[in-house]
Amino acid sequence: MANSGSRPRLAATARQRSESHAPAGRQAHVPVEQITRAILVLRRHRVLLDSELAALYGVETRVLNQAVRRNAERFPEDFRFQLTPAERRL
C-alpha cells in the first residue's frame, strides 16, 4: 500500500479483497473496468497496490495503511506484502 516517495509499497491480493464483504446497506459503485485496470500480477498473485485500493475506497493511502496496521488481526497472513525495490520500479 503505497505513496510515491521512499515509503515502502505494499500490495494486497485480489482474491482476499474479493472475499471481503461491504458493510450492510452499502454497495460499491466503482466501475469494474477501473478495478480491472488497477490489478497487477506480482509473485504469481493478482494484487492491488495500496494507493489503488485507497483510491477505490476514497481515502488517503496513509489512512488505509494505518487502518490495516491497527487491525492486523483481522487480515489473513498473506493479505498484504511489502514490495521489493525491483517490484517498486515496475
N, C-alpha and C. Protein backbone atom coordinates (compact mmCIF):
# COMPACT_ATOMS: atom_id res chain seq x y z
N MET A 1 0.85 -1.13 0.00
CA MET A 1 0.00 0.00 0.00
C MET A 1 0.91 1.21 0.00
N ALA A 2 0.77 2.07 -0.96
CA ALA A 2 1.91 2.92 -1.27
C ALA A 2 1.63 4.38 -1.48
N ASN A 3 2.64 5.15 -1.22
CA ASN A 3 2.74 6.55 -1.59
C ASN A 3 3.87 6.65 -2.59
N SER A 4 3.91 7.73 -3.35
CA SER A 4 5.11 7.95 -4.11
C SER A 4 6.15 8.41 -3.12
N GLY A 5 7.40 8.28 -3.44
CA GLY A 5 8.44 8.64 -2.49
C GLY A 5 9.12 7.41 -1.96
N SER A 6 9.77 7.55 -0.83
CA SER A 6 10.60 6.46 -0.33
C SER A 6 9.85 5.50 0.58
N ARG A 7 8.61 5.72 0.86
CA ARG A 7 7.86 4.82 1.73
C ARG A 7 7.68 3.48 1.06
N PRO A 8 7.70 2.39 1.81
CA PRO A 8 7.54 1.07 1.20
C PRO A 8 6.16 0.90 0.60
N ARG A 9 6.10 0.20 -0.50
CA ARG A 9 4.81 -0.10 -1.13
C ARG A 9 4.38 -1.49 -0.70
N LEU A 10 3.12 -1.62 -0.45
CA LEU A 10 2.55 -2.91 -0.09
C LEU A 10 1.48 -3.24 -1.11
N ALA A 11 1.20 -4.49 -1.22
CA ALA A 11 0.16 -4.94 -2.13
C ALA A 11 -0.75 -5.91 -1.39
N ALA A 12 -2.01 -5.92 -1.76
CA ALA A 12 -2.97 -6.85 -1.19
C ALA A 12 -3.45 -7.75 -2.31
N THR A 13 -3.61 -9.03 -2.04
CA THR A 13 -4.02 -9.92 -3.10
C THR A 13 -5.49 -9.71 -3.45
N ALA A 14 -5.79 -9.82 -4.72
CA ALA A 14 -7.15 -9.59 -5.22
C ALA A 14 -8.12 -10.64 -4.67
N ARG A 15 -7.65 -11.86 -4.50
CA ARG A 15 -8.51 -12.93 -4.01
C ARG A 15 -9.08 -12.58 -2.65
N GLN A 16 -8.25 -12.12 -1.74
CA GLN A 16 -8.73 -11.83 -0.40
C GLN A 16 -9.66 -10.63 -0.39
N ARG A 17 -9.39 -9.61 -1.19
CA ARG A 17 -10.28 -8.47 -1.22
C ARG A 17 -11.64 -8.87 -1.74
N SER A 18 -11.69 -9.76 -2.73
CA SER A 18 -12.98 -10.15 -3.30
C SER A 18 -13.78 -10.98 -2.31
N GLU A 19 -13.11 -11.60 -1.33
CA GLU A 19 -13.81 -12.40 -0.33
C GLU A 19 -14.39 -11.55 0.79
N SER A 20 -13.95 -10.32 0.92
CA SER A 20 -14.49 -9.46 1.98
C SER A 20 -15.86 -8.94 1.55
N HIS A 21 -16.62 -8.50 2.52
CA HIS A 21 -17.98 -8.04 2.24
C HIS A 21 -18.12 -6.56 2.57
N ALA A 22 -18.91 -5.87 1.80
CA ALA A 22 -19.19 -4.46 2.07
C ALA A 22 -20.09 -4.38 3.29
N PRO A 23 -20.00 -3.29 4.06
CA PRO A 23 -20.89 -3.12 5.21
C PRO A 23 -22.35 -3.17 4.77
N ALA A 24 -23.22 -3.62 5.67
CA ALA A 24 -24.64 -3.74 5.37
C ALA A 24 -25.19 -2.41 4.88
N GLY A 25 -26.00 -2.45 3.84
CA GLY A 25 -26.63 -1.25 3.31
C GLY A 25 -25.72 -0.41 2.43
N ARG A 26 -24.53 -0.86 2.18
CA ARG A 26 -23.59 -0.08 1.38
C ARG A 26 -23.17 -0.89 0.16
N GLN A 27 -23.33 -0.32 -1.01
CA GLN A 27 -22.97 -1.02 -2.23
C GLN A 27 -21.87 -0.25 -2.95
N ALA A 28 -20.98 -1.00 -3.57
CA ALA A 28 -19.89 -0.37 -4.32
C ALA A 28 -20.42 0.12 -5.66
N HIS A 29 -19.97 1.30 -6.08
CA HIS A 29 -20.36 1.85 -7.36
C HIS A 29 -19.12 2.20 -8.16
N VAL A 30 -18.13 1.33 -8.10
CA VAL A 30 -16.89 1.53 -8.84
C VAL A 30 -16.97 0.69 -10.10
N PRO A 31 -16.73 1.31 -11.26
CA PRO A 31 -16.79 0.53 -12.50
C PRO A 31 -15.78 -0.62 -12.48
N VAL A 32 -16.21 -1.76 -12.95
CA VAL A 32 -15.35 -2.95 -13.00
C VAL A 32 -14.07 -2.65 -13.77
N GLU A 33 -14.18 -1.86 -14.82
CA GLU A 33 -13.01 -1.53 -15.63
C GLU A 33 -11.94 -0.81 -14.80
N GLN A 34 -12.37 0.05 -13.89
CA GLN A 34 -11.42 0.78 -13.05
C GLN A 34 -10.67 -0.19 -12.14
N ILE A 35 -11.36 -1.15 -11.59
CA ILE A 35 -10.71 -2.15 -10.73
C ILE A 35 -9.80 -3.03 -11.56
N THR A 36 -10.28 -3.48 -12.71
CA THR A 36 -9.50 -4.37 -13.56
C THR A 36 -8.20 -3.73 -13.99
N ARG A 37 -8.23 -2.45 -14.34
CA ARG A 37 -7.00 -1.75 -14.76
C ARG A 37 -5.99 -1.65 -13.63
N ALA A 38 -6.46 -1.63 -12.39
CA ALA A 38 -5.57 -1.46 -11.24
C ALA A 38 -4.89 -2.75 -10.80
N ILE A 39 -5.39 -3.89 -11.25
CA ILE A 39 -4.85 -5.18 -10.81
C ILE A 39 -3.54 -5.47 -11.55
N LEU A 40 -2.53 -5.82 -10.76
CA LEU A 40 -1.22 -6.22 -11.29
C LEU A 40 -0.99 -7.68 -10.94
N VAL A 41 -0.09 -8.32 -11.66
CA VAL A 41 0.32 -9.68 -11.30
C VAL A 41 1.75 -9.60 -10.77
N LEU A 42 1.91 -9.92 -9.50
CA LEU A 42 3.21 -9.93 -8.85
C LEU A 42 3.33 -11.23 -8.06
N ARG A 43 4.46 -11.86 -8.16
CA ARG A 43 4.70 -13.11 -7.42
C ARG A 43 3.60 -14.14 -7.68
N ARG A 44 3.12 -14.14 -8.91
CA ARG A 44 2.06 -15.07 -9.36
C ARG A 44 0.73 -14.86 -8.63
N HIS A 45 0.52 -13.65 -8.11
CA HIS A 45 -0.76 -13.29 -7.49
C HIS A 45 -1.29 -12.04 -8.15
N ARG A 46 -2.60 -11.94 -8.25
CA ARG A 46 -3.22 -10.70 -8.69
C ARG A 46 -3.29 -9.78 -7.48
N VAL A 47 -2.78 -8.58 -7.61
CA VAL A 47 -2.70 -7.67 -6.47
C VAL A 47 -3.16 -6.26 -6.85
N LEU A 48 -3.52 -5.51 -5.83
CA LEU A 48 -3.77 -4.07 -5.95
C LEU A 48 -2.78 -3.37 -5.04
N LEU A 49 -2.16 -2.33 -5.53
CA LEU A 49 -1.28 -1.53 -4.69
C LEU A 49 -2.13 -0.76 -3.69
N ASP A 50 -1.52 -0.42 -2.58
CA ASP A 50 -2.26 0.29 -1.55
C ASP A 50 -2.84 1.60 -2.06
N SER A 51 -2.11 2.28 -2.91
CA SER A 51 -2.62 3.56 -3.43
C SER A 51 -3.87 3.35 -4.28
N GLU A 52 -3.90 2.28 -5.05
CA GLU A 52 -5.08 1.97 -5.88
C GLU A 52 -6.26 1.56 -5.00
N LEU A 53 -5.99 0.73 -4.00
CA LEU A 53 -7.06 0.29 -3.10
C LEU A 53 -7.63 1.47 -2.32
N ALA A 54 -6.75 2.35 -1.86
CA ALA A 54 -7.20 3.55 -1.14
C ALA A 54 -8.08 4.41 -2.04
N ALA A 55 -7.68 4.58 -3.29
CA ALA A 55 -8.47 5.38 -4.23
C ALA A 55 -9.85 4.76 -4.44
N LEU A 56 -9.92 3.44 -4.52
CA LEU A 56 -11.22 2.78 -4.69
C LEU A 56 -12.13 3.02 -3.48
N TYR A 57 -11.53 3.08 -2.30
CA TYR A 57 -12.31 3.34 -1.09
C TYR A 57 -12.50 4.83 -0.82
N GLY A 58 -11.83 5.67 -1.59
CA GLY A 58 -11.98 7.11 -1.43
C GLY A 58 -11.30 7.66 -0.19
N VAL A 59 -10.18 7.04 0.20
CA VAL A 59 -9.41 7.51 1.35
C VAL A 59 -7.96 7.73 0.94
N GLU A 60 -7.21 8.44 1.79
CA GLU A 60 -5.80 8.61 1.53
C GLU A 60 -5.06 7.29 1.78
N THR A 61 -3.97 7.09 1.07
CA THR A 61 -3.19 5.86 1.22
C THR A 61 -2.74 5.68 2.66
N ARG A 62 -2.26 6.75 3.28
CA ARG A 62 -1.78 6.64 4.66
C ARG A 62 -2.90 6.21 5.60
N VAL A 63 -4.12 6.65 5.34
CA VAL A 63 -5.26 6.28 6.18
C VAL A 63 -5.56 4.79 6.03
N LEU A 64 -5.53 4.29 4.80
CA LEU A 64 -5.75 2.87 4.56
C LEU A 64 -4.69 2.04 5.27
N ASN A 65 -3.42 2.41 5.10
CA ASN A 65 -2.33 1.67 5.74
C ASN A 65 -2.43 1.70 7.25
N GLN A 66 -2.82 2.84 7.80
CA GLN A 66 -2.98 2.96 9.24
C GLN A 66 -4.09 2.03 9.74
N ALA A 67 -5.19 1.97 9.01
CA ALA A 67 -6.30 1.09 9.39
C ALA A 67 -5.87 -0.38 9.34
N VAL A 68 -5.11 -0.74 8.33
CA VAL A 68 -4.64 -2.13 8.23
C VAL A 68 -3.70 -2.45 9.39
N ARG A 69 -2.78 -1.55 9.70
CA ARG A 69 -1.86 -1.78 10.83
C ARG A 69 -2.62 -1.90 12.15
N ARG A 70 -3.60 -1.05 12.36
CA ARG A 70 -4.36 -1.07 13.62
C ARG A 70 -5.24 -2.30 13.76
N ASN A 71 -5.59 -2.89 12.64
CA ASN A 71 -6.50 -4.04 12.64
C ASN A 71 -5.84 -5.27 12.04
N ALA A 72 -4.54 -5.42 12.25
CA ALA A 72 -3.77 -6.51 11.63
C ALA A 72 -4.38 -7.89 11.91
N GLU A 73 -4.96 -8.06 13.07
CA GLU A 73 -5.53 -9.37 13.43
C GLU A 73 -6.73 -9.75 12.57
N ARG A 74 -7.31 -8.81 11.89
CA ARG A 74 -8.49 -9.07 11.06
C ARG A 74 -8.14 -9.52 9.64
N PHE A 75 -6.85 -9.46 9.29
CA PHE A 75 -6.42 -9.79 7.94
C PHE A 75 -5.60 -11.07 7.94
N PRO A 76 -5.83 -11.93 6.93
CA PRO A 76 -5.02 -13.15 6.85
C PRO A 76 -3.54 -12.80 6.65
N GLU A 77 -2.68 -13.73 7.01
CA GLU A 77 -1.24 -13.54 6.94
C GLU A 77 -0.78 -13.11 5.55
N ASP A 78 -1.40 -13.65 4.52
CA ASP A 78 -0.96 -13.33 3.15
C ASP A 78 -1.79 -12.22 2.49
N PHE A 79 -2.52 -11.45 3.28
CA PHE A 79 -3.33 -10.38 2.72
C PHE A 79 -2.49 -9.27 2.11
N ARG A 80 -1.34 -9.00 2.70
CA ARG A 80 -0.51 -7.92 2.21
C ARG A 80 0.95 -8.33 2.26
N PHE A 81 1.73 -7.69 1.44
CA PHE A 81 3.17 -7.90 1.48
C PHE A 81 3.85 -6.65 0.99
N GLN A 82 5.10 -6.49 1.39
CA GLN A 82 5.87 -5.31 1.01
C GLN A 82 6.61 -5.60 -0.29
N LEU A 83 6.56 -4.64 -1.20
CA LEU A 83 7.23 -4.80 -2.48
C LEU A 83 8.74 -4.64 -2.31
N THR A 84 9.47 -5.39 -3.12
CA THR A 84 10.92 -5.24 -3.15
C THR A 84 11.25 -3.97 -3.95
N PRO A 85 12.48 -3.46 -3.84
CA PRO A 85 12.87 -2.30 -4.66
C PRO A 85 12.67 -2.54 -6.16
N ALA A 86 12.95 -3.74 -6.62
CA ALA A 86 12.76 -4.05 -8.05
C ALA A 86 11.28 -4.01 -8.43
N GLU A 87 10.43 -4.51 -7.57
CA GLU A 87 8.98 -4.51 -7.83
C GLU A 87 8.45 -3.07 -7.81
N ARG A 88 8.98 -2.23 -6.96
CA ARG A 88 8.53 -0.84 -6.90
C ARG A 88 8.78 -0.08 -8.20
N ARG A 89 9.82 -0.48 -8.93
CA ARG A 89 10.15 0.20 -10.18
C ARG A 89 9.25 -0.20 -11.33
N LEU A 90 8.46 -1.24 -11.15
CA LEU A 90 7.56 -1.69 -12.22
C LEU A 90 6.54 -0.67 -12.45
